[in-house]
Amino acid sequence: MCSCGNASPHVLATRTTADGAKVEIHSDGFVTGVLGYLLPGVGRRRLPATRLWAFAGEVWLYTVPELPGLVTEHQRAEKRQAASEASRAAGLHPNAIVGRGRPSLYGQW
């Protein structure tokens, strides 16, 4: 369910890229062109719900060919955040990252 209370998928925001193309960010995580057309390179990949507004705030800095990389970075950021929260929940050192079922510790230099 969207933060606005609407349970059905809908357009959250419409933004313009650096090269002038219109991009729609949907509540279910899809990023499309106007009228729901899939963007080249993005396809049907979805953004995590917690990253939708951050993505909407950055779209204007990128061109359409650069959007697949931006979507990938937001997906990776969500995974890093989830790993960090899992290590905190397990009571591990703040620098420990839980991955592949076992914790590992990366030093801060």
N, C-alpha and C. Protein backbone atom coordinates (compact mmCIF):
# COMPACT_ATOMS: atom_id res chain seq x y z
N MET A 1 0.85 -1.18 0.00
CA MET A 1 0.00 0.00 0.00
C MET A 1 0.89 1.24 0.00
N CYS A 2 0.48 2.19 -0.74
CA CYS A 2 1.21 3.45 -0.85
C CYS A 2 1.02 4.29 0.42
N SER A 3 1.93 5.21 0.65
CA SER A 3 1.82 6.09 1.81
C SER A 3 0.59 7.00 1.73
N CYS A 4 0.04 7.18 0.53
CA CYS A 4 -1.15 8.02 0.38
C CYS A 4 -2.42 7.25 0.72
N GLY A 5 -2.31 5.94 0.95
CA GLY A 5 -3.47 5.13 1.30
C GLY A 5 -4.12 4.41 0.14
N ASN A 6 -3.65 4.65 -1.07
CA ASN A 6 -4.20 4.01 -2.26
C ASN A 6 -3.53 2.66 -2.43
N ALA A 7 -4.32 1.58 -2.48
CA ALA A 7 -3.77 0.23 -2.59
C ALA A 7 -3.45 -0.16 -4.03
N SER A 8 -4.06 0.47 -5.00
CA SER A 8 -3.79 0.11 -6.40
C SER A 8 -2.57 0.86 -6.91
N PRO A 9 -1.80 0.26 -7.83
CA PRO A 9 -0.62 0.94 -8.38
C PRO A 9 -1.01 2.23 -9.11
N HIS A 10 -0.23 3.27 -8.88
CA HIS A 10 -0.51 4.56 -9.52
C HIS A 10 0.79 5.35 -9.63
N VAL A 11 0.75 6.41 -10.40
CA VAL A 11 1.93 7.25 -10.60
C VAL A 11 2.14 8.12 -9.37
N LEU A 12 3.33 8.01 -8.78
CA LEU A 12 3.68 8.85 -7.63
C LEU A 12 4.21 10.20 -8.07
N ALA A 13 5.07 10.17 -9.09
CA ALA A 13 5.72 11.40 -9.51
C ALA A 13 6.07 11.32 -10.99
N THR A 14 6.06 12.45 -11.64
CA THR A 14 6.54 12.57 -13.01
C THR A 14 7.69 13.55 -12.99
N ARG A 15 8.81 13.13 -13.53
CA ARG A 15 10.01 13.96 -13.55
C ARG A 15 10.55 14.05 -14.97
N THR A 16 11.39 15.04 -15.20
CA THR A 16 12.04 15.22 -16.50
C THR A 16 13.53 14.95 -16.34
N THR A 17 14.09 14.13 -17.25
CA THR A 17 15.51 13.81 -17.20
C THR A 17 16.33 14.98 -17.75
N ALA A 18 17.65 14.87 -17.65
CA ALA A 18 18.54 15.93 -18.12
C ALA A 18 18.42 16.17 -19.62
N ASP A 19 18.01 15.12 -20.36
CA ASP A 19 17.86 15.28 -21.80
C ASP A 19 16.43 15.58 -22.22
N GLY A 20 15.55 15.88 -21.27
CA GLY A 20 14.20 16.35 -21.57
C GLY A 20 13.13 15.29 -21.67
N ALA A 21 13.43 14.03 -21.39
CA ALA A 21 12.42 12.96 -21.45
C ALA A 21 11.61 12.93 -20.15
N LYS A 22 10.33 12.66 -20.26
CA LYS A 22 9.46 12.53 -19.09
C LYS A 22 9.56 11.10 -18.55
N VAL A 23 9.66 10.98 -17.24
CA VAL A 23 9.76 9.69 -16.56
C VAL A 23 8.70 9.65 -15.47
N GLU A 24 7.98 8.53 -15.38
CA GLU A 24 6.98 8.34 -14.34
C GLU A 24 7.49 7.32 -13.33
N ILE A 25 7.37 7.64 -12.05
CA ILE A 25 7.73 6.73 -10.97
C ILE A 25 6.42 6.25 -10.36
N HIS A 26 6.21 4.92 -10.39
CA HIS A 26 4.95 4.33 -9.93
C HIS A 26 5.07 3.83 -8.50
N SER A 27 3.95 3.73 -7.82
CA SER A 27 3.93 3.32 -6.42
C SER A 27 4.37 1.87 -6.23
N ASP A 28 4.30 1.04 -7.28
CA ASP A 28 4.73 -0.35 -7.16
C ASP A 28 6.20 -0.54 -7.54
N GLY A 29 6.92 0.57 -7.76
CA GLY A 29 8.35 0.51 -8.01
C GLY A 29 8.76 0.56 -9.47
N PHE A 30 7.82 0.53 -10.39
CA PHE A 30 8.18 0.61 -11.81
C PHE A 30 8.58 2.03 -12.17
N VAL A 31 9.54 2.12 -13.09
CA VAL A 31 9.96 3.39 -13.65
C VAL A 31 9.70 3.29 -15.14
N THR A 32 8.84 4.17 -15.66
CA THR A 32 8.45 4.09 -17.06
C THR A 32 8.53 5.47 -17.70
N GLY A 33 8.37 5.46 -19.02
CA GLY A 33 8.20 6.70 -19.74
C GLY A 33 6.74 7.13 -19.62
N VAL A 34 6.40 8.19 -20.32
CA VAL A 34 5.02 8.68 -20.31
C VAL A 34 4.09 7.59 -20.84
N LEU A 35 2.91 7.49 -20.27
CA LEU A 35 1.88 6.50 -20.63
C LEU A 35 2.30 5.07 -20.35
N GLY A 36 3.27 4.88 -19.47
CA GLY A 36 3.65 3.53 -19.05
C GLY A 36 4.58 2.78 -19.96
N TYR A 37 5.16 3.44 -20.97
CA TYR A 37 6.10 2.77 -21.86
C TYR A 37 7.37 2.42 -21.10
N LEU A 38 7.88 1.19 -21.33
CA LEU A 38 9.10 0.76 -20.66
C LEU A 38 10.30 1.54 -21.21
N LEU A 39 11.20 1.88 -20.32
CA LEU A 39 12.41 2.60 -20.71
C LEU A 39 13.49 1.60 -21.13
N PRO A 40 14.29 1.94 -22.16
CA PRO A 40 15.34 1.03 -22.58
C PRO A 40 16.37 0.81 -21.47
N GLY A 41 16.66 -0.47 -21.21
CA GLY A 41 17.63 -0.81 -20.18
C GLY A 41 17.04 -0.98 -18.80
N VAL A 42 15.92 -0.33 -18.54
CA VAL A 42 15.27 -0.45 -17.23
C VAL A 42 14.29 -1.61 -17.25
N GLY A 43 13.49 -1.70 -18.31
CA GLY A 43 12.55 -2.80 -18.46
C GLY A 43 11.56 -2.88 -17.32
N ARG A 44 11.41 -4.07 -16.77
CA ARG A 44 10.44 -4.30 -15.69
C ARG A 44 11.09 -4.37 -14.31
N ARG A 45 12.31 -3.90 -14.19
CA ARG A 45 12.95 -3.88 -12.87
C ARG A 45 12.24 -2.87 -11.99
N ARG A 46 12.15 -3.20 -10.71
CA ARG A 46 11.43 -2.33 -9.77
C ARG A 46 12.39 -1.72 -8.76
N LEU A 47 12.02 -0.54 -8.34
CA LEU A 47 12.74 0.12 -7.26
C LEU A 47 12.16 -0.33 -5.93
N PRO A 48 12.98 -0.43 -4.89
CA PRO A 48 12.44 -0.70 -3.56
C PRO A 48 11.55 0.46 -3.11
N ALA A 49 10.50 0.15 -2.39
CA ALA A 49 9.52 1.17 -1.97
C ALA A 49 10.17 2.28 -1.14
N THR A 50 11.18 1.95 -0.37
CA THR A 50 11.82 2.96 0.48
C THR A 50 12.71 3.91 -0.31
N ARG A 51 13.00 3.60 -1.56
CA ARG A 51 13.90 4.41 -2.37
C ARG A 51 13.19 5.22 -3.46
N LEU A 52 11.87 5.16 -3.53
CA LEU A 52 11.13 5.81 -4.62
C LEU A 52 11.34 7.32 -4.65
N TRP A 53 11.20 7.97 -3.51
CA TRP A 53 11.31 9.43 -3.49
C TRP A 53 12.74 9.89 -3.67
N ALA A 54 13.71 9.12 -3.18
CA ALA A 54 15.12 9.45 -3.42
C ALA A 54 15.43 9.37 -4.91
N PHE A 55 14.91 8.33 -5.56
CA PHE A 55 15.10 8.18 -7.00
C PHE A 55 14.45 9.35 -7.75
N ALA A 56 13.24 9.70 -7.35
CA ALA A 56 12.53 10.80 -8.01
C ALA A 56 13.31 12.10 -7.88
N GLY A 57 14.02 12.28 -6.79
CA GLY A 57 14.79 13.49 -6.60
C GLY A 57 16.07 13.55 -7.41
N GLU A 58 16.52 12.41 -7.93
CA GLU A 58 17.77 12.35 -8.68
C GLU A 58 17.59 12.21 -10.18
N VAL A 59 16.40 11.91 -10.64
CA VAL A 59 16.18 11.64 -12.06
C VAL A 59 16.62 12.81 -12.94
N TRP A 60 16.40 14.03 -12.51
CA TRP A 60 16.69 15.19 -13.35
C TRP A 60 18.18 15.35 -13.64
N LEU A 61 19.03 14.67 -12.87
CA LEU A 61 20.48 14.76 -13.07
C LEU A 61 20.99 13.82 -14.16
N TYR A 62 20.17 12.89 -14.62
CA TYR A 62 20.61 11.83 -15.52
C TYR A 62 19.86 11.88 -16.84
N THR A 63 20.48 11.30 -17.88
CA THR A 63 19.82 11.14 -19.17
C THR A 63 19.17 9.76 -19.21
N VAL A 64 18.32 9.53 -20.20
CA VAL A 64 17.62 8.24 -20.30
C VAL A 64 18.59 7.06 -20.38
N PRO A 65 19.67 7.12 -21.18
CA PRO A 65 20.59 5.97 -21.20
C PRO A 65 21.28 5.71 -19.86
N GLU A 66 21.32 6.69 -18.97
CA GLU A 66 21.96 6.51 -17.66
C GLU A 66 21.00 5.99 -16.59
N LEU A 67 19.70 5.97 -16.86
CA LEU A 67 18.72 5.55 -15.86
C LEU A 67 18.87 4.10 -15.40
N PRO A 68 19.21 3.13 -16.29
CA PRO A 68 19.40 1.77 -15.78
C PRO A 68 20.46 1.69 -14.68
N GLY A 69 21.54 2.44 -14.82
CA GLY A 69 22.57 2.46 -13.78
C GLY A 69 22.05 3.07 -12.48
N LEU A 70 21.23 4.10 -12.59
CA LEU A 70 20.65 4.72 -11.40
C LEU A 70 19.71 3.77 -10.67
N VAL A 71 18.90 3.03 -11.44
CA VAL A 71 18.00 2.03 -10.84
C VAL A 71 18.82 0.97 -10.12
N THR A 72 19.89 0.50 -10.76
CA THR A 72 20.76 -0.52 -10.16
C THR A 72 21.37 -0.02 -8.86
N GLU A 73 21.84 1.22 -8.84
CA GLU A 73 22.44 1.76 -7.63
C GLU A 73 21.43 1.88 -6.49
N HIS A 74 20.20 2.23 -6.79
CA HIS A 74 19.18 2.30 -5.75
C HIS A 74 18.82 0.91 -5.24
N GLN A 75 18.83 -0.09 -6.10
CA GLN A 75 18.58 -1.46 -5.66
C GLN A 75 19.72 -1.93 -4.75
N ARG A 76 20.96 -1.62 -5.12
CA ARG A 76 22.11 -2.00 -4.29
C ARG A 76 22.09 -1.28 -2.95
N ALA A 77 21.72 -0.02 -2.95
CA ALA A 77 21.65 0.74 -1.70
C ALA A 77 20.64 0.12 -0.74
N GLU A 78 19.54 -0.36 -1.28
CA GLU A 78 18.53 -1.02 -0.43
C GLU A 78 19.09 -2.30 0.17
N LYS A 79 19.84 -3.07 -0.61
CA LYS A 79 20.43 -4.31 -0.10
C LYS A 79 21.48 -4.01 0.97
N ARG A 80 22.28 -2.97 0.76
CA ARG A 80 23.27 -2.59 1.79
C ARG A 80 22.58 -2.17 3.08
N GLN A 81 21.50 -1.42 2.96
CA GLN A 81 20.76 -0.98 4.14
C GLN A 81 20.17 -2.18 4.89
N ALA A 82 19.63 -3.14 4.15
CA ALA A 82 19.07 -4.34 4.78
C ALA A 82 20.15 -5.15 5.49
N ALA A 83 21.34 -5.26 4.88
CA ALA A 83 22.43 -6.00 5.52
C ALA A 83 22.90 -5.29 6.78
N SER A 84 22.96 -3.98 6.74
CA SER A 84 23.37 -3.20 7.91
C SER A 84 22.36 -3.37 9.05
N GLU A 85 21.08 -3.34 8.72
CA GLU A 85 20.05 -3.52 9.75
C GLU A 85 20.08 -4.93 10.32
N ALA A 86 20.38 -5.91 9.49
CA ALA A 86 20.46 -7.30 9.97
C ALA A 86 21.63 -7.47 10.94
N SER A 87 22.76 -6.82 10.66
CA SER A 87 23.90 -6.93 11.57
C SER A 87 23.61 -6.25 12.90
N ARG A 88 22.88 -5.11 12.85
CA ARG A 88 22.51 -4.44 14.11
C ARG A 88 21.54 -5.28 14.91
N ALA A 89 20.60 -5.93 14.22
CA ALA A 89 19.61 -6.77 14.92
C ALA A 89 20.28 -7.97 15.57
N ALA A 90 21.35 -8.47 14.95
CA ALA A 90 22.05 -9.63 15.51
C ALA A 90 23.02 -9.22 16.62
N GLY A 91 23.16 -7.92 16.87
CA GLY A 91 24.03 -7.44 17.93
C GLY A 91 25.50 -7.51 17.57
N LEU A 92 25.82 -7.43 16.30
CA LEU A 92 27.20 -7.49 15.85
C LEU A 92 27.84 -6.12 15.87
N HIS A 93 29.12 -6.08 15.64
CA HIS A 93 29.87 -4.82 15.55
C HIS A 93 29.25 -3.95 14.45
N PRO A 94 29.21 -2.63 14.60
CA PRO A 94 28.59 -1.76 13.60
C PRO A 94 29.18 -1.90 12.20
N ASN A 95 30.45 -2.35 12.09
CA ASN A 95 31.08 -2.52 10.78
C ASN A 95 30.85 -3.91 10.19
N ALA A 96 30.23 -4.80 10.96
CA ALA A 96 30.01 -6.16 10.46
C ALA A 96 28.85 -6.17 9.48
N ILE A 97 29.01 -6.92 8.43
CA ILE A 97 27.96 -7.07 7.41
C ILE A 97 27.57 -8.54 7.36
N VAL A 98 26.29 -8.83 7.49
CA VAL A 98 25.80 -10.19 7.42
C VAL A 98 25.50 -10.50 5.97
N GLY A 99 26.17 -11.49 5.45
CA GLY A 99 25.93 -11.88 4.06
C GLY A 99 26.24 -13.34 3.87
N ARG A 100 25.49 -14.00 3.05
CA ARG A 100 25.65 -15.42 2.75
C ARG A 100 25.60 -16.27 4.02
N GLY A 101 24.80 -15.83 4.98
CA GLY A 101 24.58 -16.63 6.17
C GLY A 101 25.64 -16.52 7.24
N ARG A 102 26.68 -15.73 7.02
CA ARG A 102 27.73 -15.61 8.03
C ARG A 102 28.19 -14.16 8.11
N PRO A 103 28.51 -13.69 9.30
CA PRO A 103 28.98 -12.31 9.43
C PRO A 103 30.45 -12.19 9.03
N SER A 104 30.79 -11.04 8.50
CA SER A 104 32.20 -10.74 8.24
C SER A 104 32.45 -9.33 8.74
N LEU A 105 33.68 -9.03 9.04
CA LEU A 105 34.01 -7.74 9.62
C LEU A 105 34.97 -7.00 8.69
N TYR A 106 34.57 -5.81 8.31
CA TYR A 106 35.43 -4.96 7.49
C TYR A 106 35.96 -3.85 8.37
N GLY A 107 37.28 -3.71 8.42
CA GLY A 107 37.89 -2.71 9.27
C GLY A 107 37.75 -1.30 8.75
N GLN A 108 37.75 -0.35 9.65
CA GLN A 108 37.74 1.06 9.30
C GLN A 108 39.15 1.58 9.45
N TRP A 109 39.75 2.09 8.40
CA TRP A 109 41.12 2.58 8.44
C TRP A 109 41.14 4.07 8.55
